[in-house]
């Protein structure tokens, strides 16, 4: 549960400027930069996986309609 507030700020950042500010705030809360980087990488992978899953579901739905 370490740095949960900082992680929430990072997760809510929607664009580059917001993400940069969230990183500054997370560091200000004592979260190490290496942990911030790892968490952002994890968020990006999760988002990418979600997009791929949504595309696959859309493709499956289109194939069933045909």
N, C-alpha and C. Protein backbone atom coordinates (compact mmCIF):
# COMPACT_ATOMS: atom_id res chain seq x y z
N UNK A 1 0.81 -1.20 0.00
CA UNK A 1 0.00 0.00 0.00
C UNK A 1 0.86 1.27 0.00
N UNK A 2 2.15 1.08 -0.18
CA UNK A 2 3.04 2.23 -0.19
C UNK A 2 2.76 3.13 -1.38
N UNK A 3 2.70 4.42 -1.14
CA UNK A 3 2.56 5.43 -2.19
C UNK A 3 1.23 5.32 -2.96
N UNK A 4 0.17 4.88 -2.32
CA UNK A 4 -1.11 4.71 -3.01
C UNK A 4 -1.64 6.03 -3.56
N UNK A 5 -1.49 7.11 -2.81
CA UNK A 5 -1.98 8.41 -3.29
C UNK A 5 -1.19 8.85 -4.52
N UNK A 6 0.10 8.65 -4.48
CA UNK A 6 0.95 9.02 -5.62
C UNK A 6 0.57 8.19 -6.85
N UNK A 7 0.30 6.91 -6.65
CA UNK A 7 -0.10 6.05 -7.77
C UNK A 7 -1.44 6.49 -8.35
N UNK A 8 -2.34 6.92 -7.50
CA UNK A 8 -3.63 7.40 -7.97
C UNK A 8 -3.45 8.65 -8.84
N UNK A 9 -2.58 9.55 -8.42
CA UNK A 9 -2.29 10.74 -9.23
C UNK A 9 -1.73 10.36 -10.59
N UNK A 10 -0.81 9.40 -10.59
CA UNK A 10 -0.20 8.96 -11.85
C UNK A 10 -1.24 8.31 -12.76
N UNK A 11 -2.13 7.55 -12.17
CA UNK A 11 -3.14 6.85 -12.96
C UNK A 11 -4.16 7.82 -13.56
N UNK A 12 -4.45 8.89 -12.86
CA UNK A 12 -5.45 9.84 -13.33
C UNK A 12 -4.92 10.81 -14.37
N UNK A 13 -3.61 10.89 -14.54
CA UNK A 13 -3.00 11.80 -15.51
C UNK A 13 -3.36 11.33 -16.92
N UNK A 14 -3.97 12.22 -17.71
CA UNK A 14 -4.47 11.84 -19.03
C UNK A 14 -3.57 12.28 -20.18
N UNK A 15 -2.72 13.26 -19.97
CA UNK A 15 -1.86 13.72 -21.05
C UNK A 15 -0.45 13.97 -20.51
N UNK A 16 0.45 14.37 -21.41
CA UNK A 16 1.85 14.52 -21.02
C UNK A 16 2.03 15.53 -19.88
N UNK A 17 1.37 16.68 -19.99
CA UNK A 17 1.52 17.71 -18.96
C UNK A 17 1.02 17.24 -17.61
N UNK A 18 -0.12 16.58 -17.60
CA UNK A 18 -0.66 16.06 -16.34
C UNK A 18 0.24 14.96 -15.77
N UNK A 19 0.78 14.15 -16.67
CA UNK A 19 1.66 13.07 -16.21
C UNK A 19 2.94 13.65 -15.61
N UNK A 20 3.50 14.66 -16.25
CA UNK A 20 4.71 15.30 -15.72
C UNK A 20 4.45 15.89 -14.33
N UNK A 21 3.31 16.54 -14.17
CA UNK A 21 2.97 17.10 -12.87
C UNK A 21 2.74 16.00 -11.84
N UNK A 22 2.11 14.92 -12.24
CA UNK A 22 1.88 13.80 -11.33
C UNK A 22 3.20 13.17 -10.89
N UNK A 23 4.16 13.09 -11.82
CA UNK A 23 5.49 12.56 -11.47
C UNK A 23 6.15 13.48 -10.44
N UNK A 24 6.09 14.79 -10.66
CA UNK A 24 6.67 15.73 -9.69
C UNK A 24 6.02 15.58 -8.31
N UNK A 25 4.70 15.46 -8.30
CA UNK A 25 4.00 15.31 -7.02
C UNK A 25 4.35 13.98 -6.35
N UNK A 26 4.42 12.91 -7.14
CA UNK A 26 4.76 11.60 -6.58
C UNK A 26 6.16 11.63 -5.98
N UNK A 27 7.09 12.27 -6.67
CA UNK A 27 8.45 12.38 -6.13
C UNK A 27 8.44 13.21 -4.85
N UNK A 28 7.62 14.25 -4.84
CA UNK A 28 7.50 15.08 -3.65
C UNK A 28 6.93 14.32 -2.46
N UNK A 29 6.16 13.27 -2.74
CA UNK A 29 5.60 12.42 -1.68
C UNK A 29 6.58 11.33 -1.25
N UNK A 30 7.76 11.32 -1.88
CA UNK A 30 8.78 10.37 -1.47
C UNK A 30 8.83 9.09 -2.30
N UNK A 31 8.06 9.03 -3.38
CA UNK A 31 8.09 7.84 -4.23
C UNK A 31 9.34 7.91 -5.10
N UNK A 32 10.17 6.89 -5.09
CA UNK A 32 11.41 6.89 -5.89
C UNK A 32 11.09 6.92 -7.40
N UNK A 33 11.93 7.61 -8.15
CA UNK A 33 11.72 7.74 -9.59
C UNK A 33 11.67 6.36 -10.27
N UNK A 34 12.50 5.44 -9.83
CA UNK A 34 12.50 4.11 -10.44
C UNK A 34 11.14 3.42 -10.24
N UNK A 35 10.53 3.61 -9.08
CA UNK A 35 9.22 3.02 -8.82
C UNK A 35 8.13 3.71 -9.66
N UNK A 36 8.27 5.02 -9.83
CA UNK A 36 7.34 5.77 -10.68
C UNK A 36 7.42 5.26 -12.11
N UNK A 37 8.63 5.09 -12.61
CA UNK A 37 8.82 4.59 -13.97
C UNK A 37 8.21 3.20 -14.14
N UNK A 38 8.44 2.33 -13.17
CA UNK A 38 7.88 0.98 -13.24
C UNK A 38 6.36 1.03 -13.23
N UNK A 39 5.79 1.88 -12.41
CA UNK A 39 4.34 1.98 -12.33
C UNK A 39 3.75 2.54 -13.62
N UNK A 40 4.40 3.56 -14.19
CA UNK A 40 3.92 4.13 -15.46
C UNK A 40 4.02 3.10 -16.58
N UNK A 41 5.10 2.33 -16.60
CA UNK A 41 5.23 1.26 -17.60
C UNK A 41 4.10 0.25 -17.45
N UNK A 42 3.78 -0.12 -16.22
CA UNK A 42 2.70 -1.06 -15.96
C UNK A 42 1.36 -0.49 -16.42
N UNK A 43 1.12 0.80 -16.11
CA UNK A 43 -0.12 1.43 -16.56
C UNK A 43 -0.23 1.43 -18.08
N UNK A 44 0.87 1.76 -18.75
CA UNK A 44 0.88 1.79 -20.22
C UNK A 44 0.59 0.40 -20.79
N UNK A 45 1.19 -0.63 -20.21
CA UNK A 45 0.95 -1.99 -20.69
C UNK A 45 -0.50 -2.41 -20.46
N UNK A 46 -1.03 -2.06 -19.32
CA UNK A 46 -2.42 -2.38 -19.01
C UNK A 46 -3.37 -1.69 -19.99
N UNK A 47 -3.08 -0.43 -20.28
CA UNK A 47 -3.90 0.32 -21.23
C UNK A 47 -3.79 -0.29 -22.63
N UNK A 48 -2.59 -0.64 -23.05
CA UNK A 48 -2.39 -1.25 -24.36
C UNK A 48 -3.13 -2.58 -24.46
N UNK A 49 -3.05 -3.38 -23.41
CA UNK A 49 -3.74 -4.67 -23.40
C UNK A 49 -5.26 -4.45 -23.48
N UNK A 50 -5.75 -3.47 -22.78
CA UNK A 50 -7.19 -3.17 -22.80
C UNK A 50 -7.65 -2.76 -24.19
N UNK A 51 -6.84 -1.95 -24.87
CA UNK A 51 -7.18 -1.52 -26.23
C UNK A 51 -7.21 -2.72 -27.16
N UNK A 52 -6.21 -3.58 -27.06
CA UNK A 52 -6.17 -4.78 -27.90
C UNK A 52 -7.36 -5.68 -27.63
N UNK A 53 -7.71 -5.85 -26.37
CA UNK A 53 -8.84 -6.69 -26.01
C UNK A 53 -10.13 -6.11 -26.59
N UNK A 54 -10.31 -4.80 -26.48
CA UNK A 54 -11.50 -4.16 -27.04
C UNK A 54 -11.57 -4.34 -28.55
N UNK A 55 -10.42 -4.24 -29.23
CA UNK A 55 -10.39 -4.42 -30.68
C UNK A 55 -10.74 -5.86 -31.04
N UNK A 56 -10.24 -6.82 -30.28
CA UNK A 56 -10.54 -8.22 -30.55
C UNK A 56 -12.03 -8.49 -30.34
N UNK A 57 -12.61 -7.90 -29.30
CA UNK A 57 -14.03 -8.08 -29.05
C UNK A 57 -14.85 -7.48 -30.18
N UNK A 58 -14.41 -6.34 -30.68
CA UNK A 58 -15.11 -5.69 -31.78
C UNK A 58 -15.01 -6.54 -33.05
N UNK A 59 -13.84 -7.10 -33.30
CA UNK A 59 -13.65 -7.97 -34.47
C UNK A 59 -14.52 -9.22 -34.35
N UNK A 60 -14.57 -9.81 -33.17
CA UNK A 60 -15.40 -11.00 -32.95
C UNK A 60 -16.87 -10.69 -33.17
N UNK A 61 -17.30 -9.54 -32.71
CA UNK A 61 -18.69 -9.14 -32.86
C UNK A 61 -19.02 -8.92 -34.33
N UNK A 62 -18.11 -8.33 -35.08
CA UNK A 62 -18.33 -8.09 -36.51
C UNK A 62 -18.40 -9.40 -37.26
N UNK A 63 -17.57 -10.36 -36.90
CA UNK A 63 -17.56 -11.66 -37.56
C UNK A 63 -18.87 -12.41 -37.30
N UNK A 64 -19.41 -12.27 -36.11
CA UNK A 64 -20.67 -12.93 -35.79
C UNK A 64 -21.84 -12.32 -36.54
N UNK A 65 -21.77 -11.03 -36.82
CA UNK A 65 -22.83 -10.34 -37.54
C UNK A 65 -22.86 -10.72 -39.01
N UNK A 66 -21.73 -11.17 -39.54
CA UNK A 66 -21.64 -11.47 -40.98
C UNK A 66 -22.28 -12.77 -41.37
